[in-house]
Protein backbone atom coordinates (compact mmCIF):
# COMPACT_ATOMS: atom_id res chain seq x y z
CA MET A 1 -33.92 90.40 -21.28
CA THR A 2 -34.44 93.41 -19.01
CA VAL A 3 -37.74 94.45 -17.47
CA ALA A 4 -37.89 97.44 -19.84
CA GLN A 5 -37.39 95.16 -22.84
CA LEU A 6 -40.10 92.81 -21.58
CA VAL A 7 -42.51 95.74 -21.19
CA ASP A 8 -41.68 96.98 -24.70
CA ALA A 9 -42.16 93.49 -26.14
CA GLU A 10 -45.54 93.12 -24.44
CA HIS A 11 -46.61 96.56 -25.66
CA LEU A 12 -45.59 95.68 -29.21
CA HIS A 13 -47.41 92.35 -29.01
CA ARG A 14 -50.62 94.05 -27.87
CA TRP A 15 -50.31 96.67 -30.61
CA HIS A 16 -49.91 93.99 -33.29
CA ARG A 17 -52.87 92.05 -31.89
CA LYS A 18 -55.07 95.15 -31.77
CA THR A 19 -54.08 96.14 -35.32
CA HIS A 20 -54.74 92.62 -36.61
CA LEU A 21 -58.23 92.68 -35.04
CA SER A 22 -58.95 96.14 -36.49
CA VAL A 23 -57.93 94.99 -39.98
CA LYS A 24 -60.04 91.85 -39.64
CA ASN A 25 -63.09 93.82 -38.53
CA ALA A 26 -62.63 96.32 -41.38
CA ARG A 27 -63.12 93.50 -43.92
CA PHE A 28 -60.92 94.94 -46.63
CA ARG A 29 -61.19 93.37 -50.06
CA TYR A 30 -57.43 92.90 -50.24
CA LYS A 31 -54.19 94.02 -48.61
CA ALA A 32 -52.59 97.35 -49.44
CA SER A 33 -50.12 99.73 -47.83
CA ILE A 34 -49.07 103.32 -48.32
CA GLU A 35 -45.54 102.14 -49.09
CA GLU A 36 -46.85 100.26 -52.15
CA VAL A 37 -48.60 103.25 -53.71
CA GLU A 38 -46.96 104.32 -56.98
CA TYR A 39 -46.69 107.89 -58.26
CA PRO A 40 -45.95 107.91 -62.01
CA GLN A 41 -46.64 111.33 -63.51
CA GLU A 42 -49.47 110.06 -65.71
CA ARG A 43 -51.51 108.99 -62.66
CA ASN A 44 -51.99 112.60 -61.50
CA LEU A 45 -51.45 111.44 -57.90
CA ASP A 46 -49.91 114.00 -55.55
CA LYS A 47 -47.48 112.15 -53.28
CA ASN A 48 -47.43 114.99 -50.77
CA LEU A 49 -51.21 114.83 -50.42
CA VAL A 50 -51.17 111.05 -49.97
CA LEU A 51 -48.48 111.30 -47.28
CA ARG A 52 -50.48 114.00 -45.50
CA LEU A 53 -53.54 111.77 -45.56
CA ALA A 54 -51.40 108.85 -44.37
CA ASP A 55 -50.79 110.60 -41.06
CA THR A 56 -54.56 110.07 -40.52
CA SER A 57 -55.10 113.55 -39.07
CA PHE A 58 -57.91 113.98 -41.60
CA ILE A 59 -59.85 111.47 -39.51
CA THR A 60 -59.35 113.54 -36.38
CA ARG A 61 -60.68 116.55 -38.30
CA HIS A 62 -63.63 114.50 -39.67
CA GLU A 63 -62.68 115.21 -43.29
CA ASN A 64 -63.64 113.08 -46.29
CA VAL A 65 -61.55 111.77 -49.19
CA LEU A 66 -63.03 111.39 -52.68
CA ILE A 67 -61.06 109.21 -55.11
CA THR A 68 -62.24 109.11 -58.73
CA GLY A 69 -60.88 107.59 -61.92
CA ALA A 70 -61.35 104.92 -64.55
CA THR A 71 -61.66 101.20 -63.87
CA GLY A 72 -58.42 99.62 -62.70
CA CYS A 73 -56.56 102.88 -62.04
CA GLY A 74 -55.97 102.09 -58.37
CA LYS A 75 -58.84 103.84 -56.57
CA SER A 76 -59.71 100.91 -54.30
CA PHE A 77 -56.04 100.16 -53.63
CA LEU A 78 -55.38 103.71 -52.46
CA ALA A 79 -58.52 103.76 -50.32
CA THR A 80 -57.55 100.44 -48.77
CA ALA A 81 -54.00 101.62 -48.10
CA LEU A 82 -55.35 104.62 -46.21
CA GLY A 83 -57.71 102.28 -44.36
CA TYR A 84 -54.87 100.00 -43.30
CA GLN A 85 -52.95 103.04 -42.12
CA ALA A 86 -55.92 104.10 -40.01
CA CYS A 87 -56.15 100.63 -38.45
CA GLN A 88 -52.50 100.85 -37.47
CA ARG A 89 -53.21 104.18 -35.78
CA GLY A 90 -55.96 102.62 -33.69
CA TYR A 91 -59.03 103.81 -35.59
CA LYS A 92 -62.14 101.74 -36.24
CA VAL A 93 -62.50 101.25 -39.99
CA GLY A 94 -65.17 99.66 -42.17
CA TYR A 95 -64.81 98.82 -45.87
CA PHE A 96 -67.95 98.32 -47.99
CA ALA A 97 -68.86 98.08 -51.65
CA LEU A 98 -71.69 100.60 -51.74
CA PRO A 99 -74.09 98.45 -53.85
CA LYS A 100 -73.75 95.55 -51.39
CA LEU A 101 -74.12 97.85 -48.38
CA LEU A 102 -77.31 99.36 -49.78
CA GLN A 103 -78.67 95.88 -50.46
CA LYS A 104 -77.84 94.87 -46.90
CA LEU A 105 -79.61 97.94 -45.51
CA HIS A 106 -82.63 97.25 -47.71
CA LEU A 107 -82.90 93.75 -46.27
CA ALA A 108 -82.42 95.14 -42.77
CA THR A 109 -85.61 97.17 -43.12
CA ALA A 110 -87.52 93.88 -43.40
CA ASP A 111 -86.11 92.20 -40.31
CA GLY A 112 -86.06 95.28 -38.08
CA SER A 113 -82.28 95.64 -37.88
CA TYR A 114 -82.01 98.80 -40.01
CA ALA A 115 -81.38 101.17 -37.09
CA LYS A 116 -78.82 98.77 -35.64
CA GLU A 117 -76.90 98.60 -38.92
CA LEU A 118 -76.86 102.38 -39.21
CA ALA A 119 -75.60 102.67 -35.64
CA ARG A 120 -72.68 100.37 -36.48
CA LEU A 121 -71.71 102.57 -39.41
CA GLU A 122 -71.98 105.70 -37.29
CA LYS A 123 -69.49 104.32 -34.75
CA LEU A 124 -66.75 103.86 -37.35
CA HIS A 125 -64.00 106.47 -37.30
CA LEU A 126 -63.42 105.83 -41.01
CA LEU A 127 -65.98 104.45 -43.45
CA ILE A 128 -64.78 103.41 -46.92
CA LEU A 129 -67.48 103.26 -49.60
CA ASP A 130 -66.16 101.59 -52.75
CA ASP A 131 -67.89 101.53 -56.16
CA TRP A 132 -69.97 104.69 -55.68
CA GLY A 133 -72.10 105.19 -58.79
CA LEU A 134 -71.68 101.64 -60.07
CA THR A 135 -75.38 100.80 -59.88
CA ALA A 136 -78.52 102.93 -60.01
CA VAL A 137 -80.10 104.01 -56.72
CA ASP A 138 -83.80 104.21 -55.93
CA LEU A 139 -85.49 106.41 -53.34
CA SER A 140 -84.85 104.02 -50.43
CA ALA A 141 -81.16 103.80 -51.37
CA ARG A 142 -80.85 107.58 -51.61
CA MET A 143 -82.52 107.95 -48.22
CA ALA A 144 -80.09 105.40 -46.76
CA ILE A 145 -77.10 107.28 -48.18
CA LEU A 146 -78.44 110.53 -46.74
CA GLN A 147 -78.90 108.95 -43.32
CA ILE A 148 -75.37 107.52 -43.36
CA MET A 149 -73.86 110.87 -44.29
CA GLU A 150 -76.02 112.77 -41.83
CA ASP A 151 -74.96 110.46 -38.99
CA ARG A 152 -71.29 110.86 -39.87
CA HIS A 153 -71.22 114.57 -40.63
CA GLY A 154 -68.84 116.25 -38.18
CA LYS A 155 -68.31 112.95 -36.34
CA GLY A 156 -66.36 110.64 -38.67
CA SER A 157 -64.56 110.49 -41.99
CA THR A 158 -65.61 108.78 -45.20
CA ILE A 159 -63.53 107.71 -48.20
CA ILE A 160 -65.51 107.29 -51.41
CA THR A 161 -64.21 105.74 -54.63
CA SER A 162 -66.02 106.17 -57.91
CA GLN A 163 -65.61 105.83 -61.66
CA LEU A 164 -67.83 108.88 -61.98
CA PRO A 165 -66.22 112.31 -61.64
CA VAL A 166 -67.60 114.29 -58.73
CA SER A 167 -69.31 116.64 -61.21
CA LYS A 168 -71.57 113.70 -62.22
CA TRP A 169 -72.63 112.72 -58.70
CA TYR A 170 -75.56 115.14 -58.62
CA GLU A 171 -76.91 113.58 -61.79
CA TYR A 172 -76.28 110.07 -60.44
CA LEU A 173 -78.39 110.69 -57.33
CA ALA A 174 -81.23 111.82 -59.63
CA ASP A 175 -83.18 113.77 -57.03
CA PRO A 176 -82.39 117.49 -56.68
CA THR A 177 -83.47 117.82 -53.06
CA LEU A 178 -81.76 114.67 -51.78
CA ALA A 179 -78.70 115.23 -53.98
CA ASP A 180 -78.21 118.69 -52.48
CA ALA A 181 -78.50 117.33 -48.95
CA ILE A 182 -76.22 114.33 -49.55
CA LEU A 183 -73.49 116.17 -51.46
CA ASP A 184 -73.48 119.06 -49.00
CA ARG A 185 -72.43 116.60 -46.29
CA ILE A 186 -69.93 114.74 -48.49
CA LEU A 187 -68.18 117.63 -50.22
CA HIS A 188 -67.79 119.79 -47.13
CA GLN A 189 -64.11 119.59 -46.07
CA ALA A 190 -63.27 116.89 -48.62
CA HIS A 191 -59.94 116.06 -50.24
CA ARG A 192 -60.31 115.18 -53.93
CA ILE A 193 -58.02 112.80 -55.81
CA GLU A 194 -58.70 112.44 -59.53
CA LEU A 195 -56.61 109.54 -60.84
CA LYS A 196 -55.65 109.51 -64.50
CA GLY A 197 -54.07 107.03 -66.89
CA GLY A 198 -54.94 103.51 -67.96
CA SER A 199 -55.61 100.37 -65.99
CA LEU A 200 -52.86 99.34 -63.59
CA ARG A 201 -54.23 95.79 -63.69
CA LYS A 202 -53.73 95.56 -67.46
CA ARG A 203 -50.26 97.06 -67.13
CA LYS A 204 -49.34 94.51 -64.48
CA ASN A 205 -50.67 91.61 -66.54
CA LEU A 206 -48.70 92.77 -69.57
CA SER A 207 -45.52 93.07 -67.55
CA GLU A 208 -45.98 89.51 -66.32
CA ILE A 209 -46.29 88.03 -69.81
CA THR A 210 -43.82 90.29 -71.65
CA PRO A 211 -40.40 88.57 -72.02
């Protein structure tokens, strides 16, 4: 093996190690890749848009991605696939179920680590918030969401998945003043993906049992 080949092999090894660490730190719920994303017509998923997002330049531009649709339609899978892609490009990514994150932040107010937790979120190049709108939010939760979005506005990108259409988010936040402030920061320079069709999970299960 030549010196050039040894250098290339070492570079590749370091890249794989760095990517593996980034994926581990992101704490994704499961594995997913852009190559596995499916584009049947009934899903209403624009392949060109997904491939543009997959080049991760939206992160450089600090743009958000909003993915909505019914349960099981592939929202979390698509968000995770984009997250994996970002890890491979060297970005710091964090994946959170929003209800659990808000609970964690609520507990952090009691032990004095609230500011520290927010600082960790702010440092992420890409923050993925799954299950937006799944549970009701009180004033402290709304304030936490506002702080997260304020810290990231113009500095980082956020992917949000939700069963609720974006038109229902104002109602979900249930506070006109805070809703205006939060949504202004989320919707500014955001790509919207509205997935259609039935549950991919059910379809997969049926295909496994159908002779």
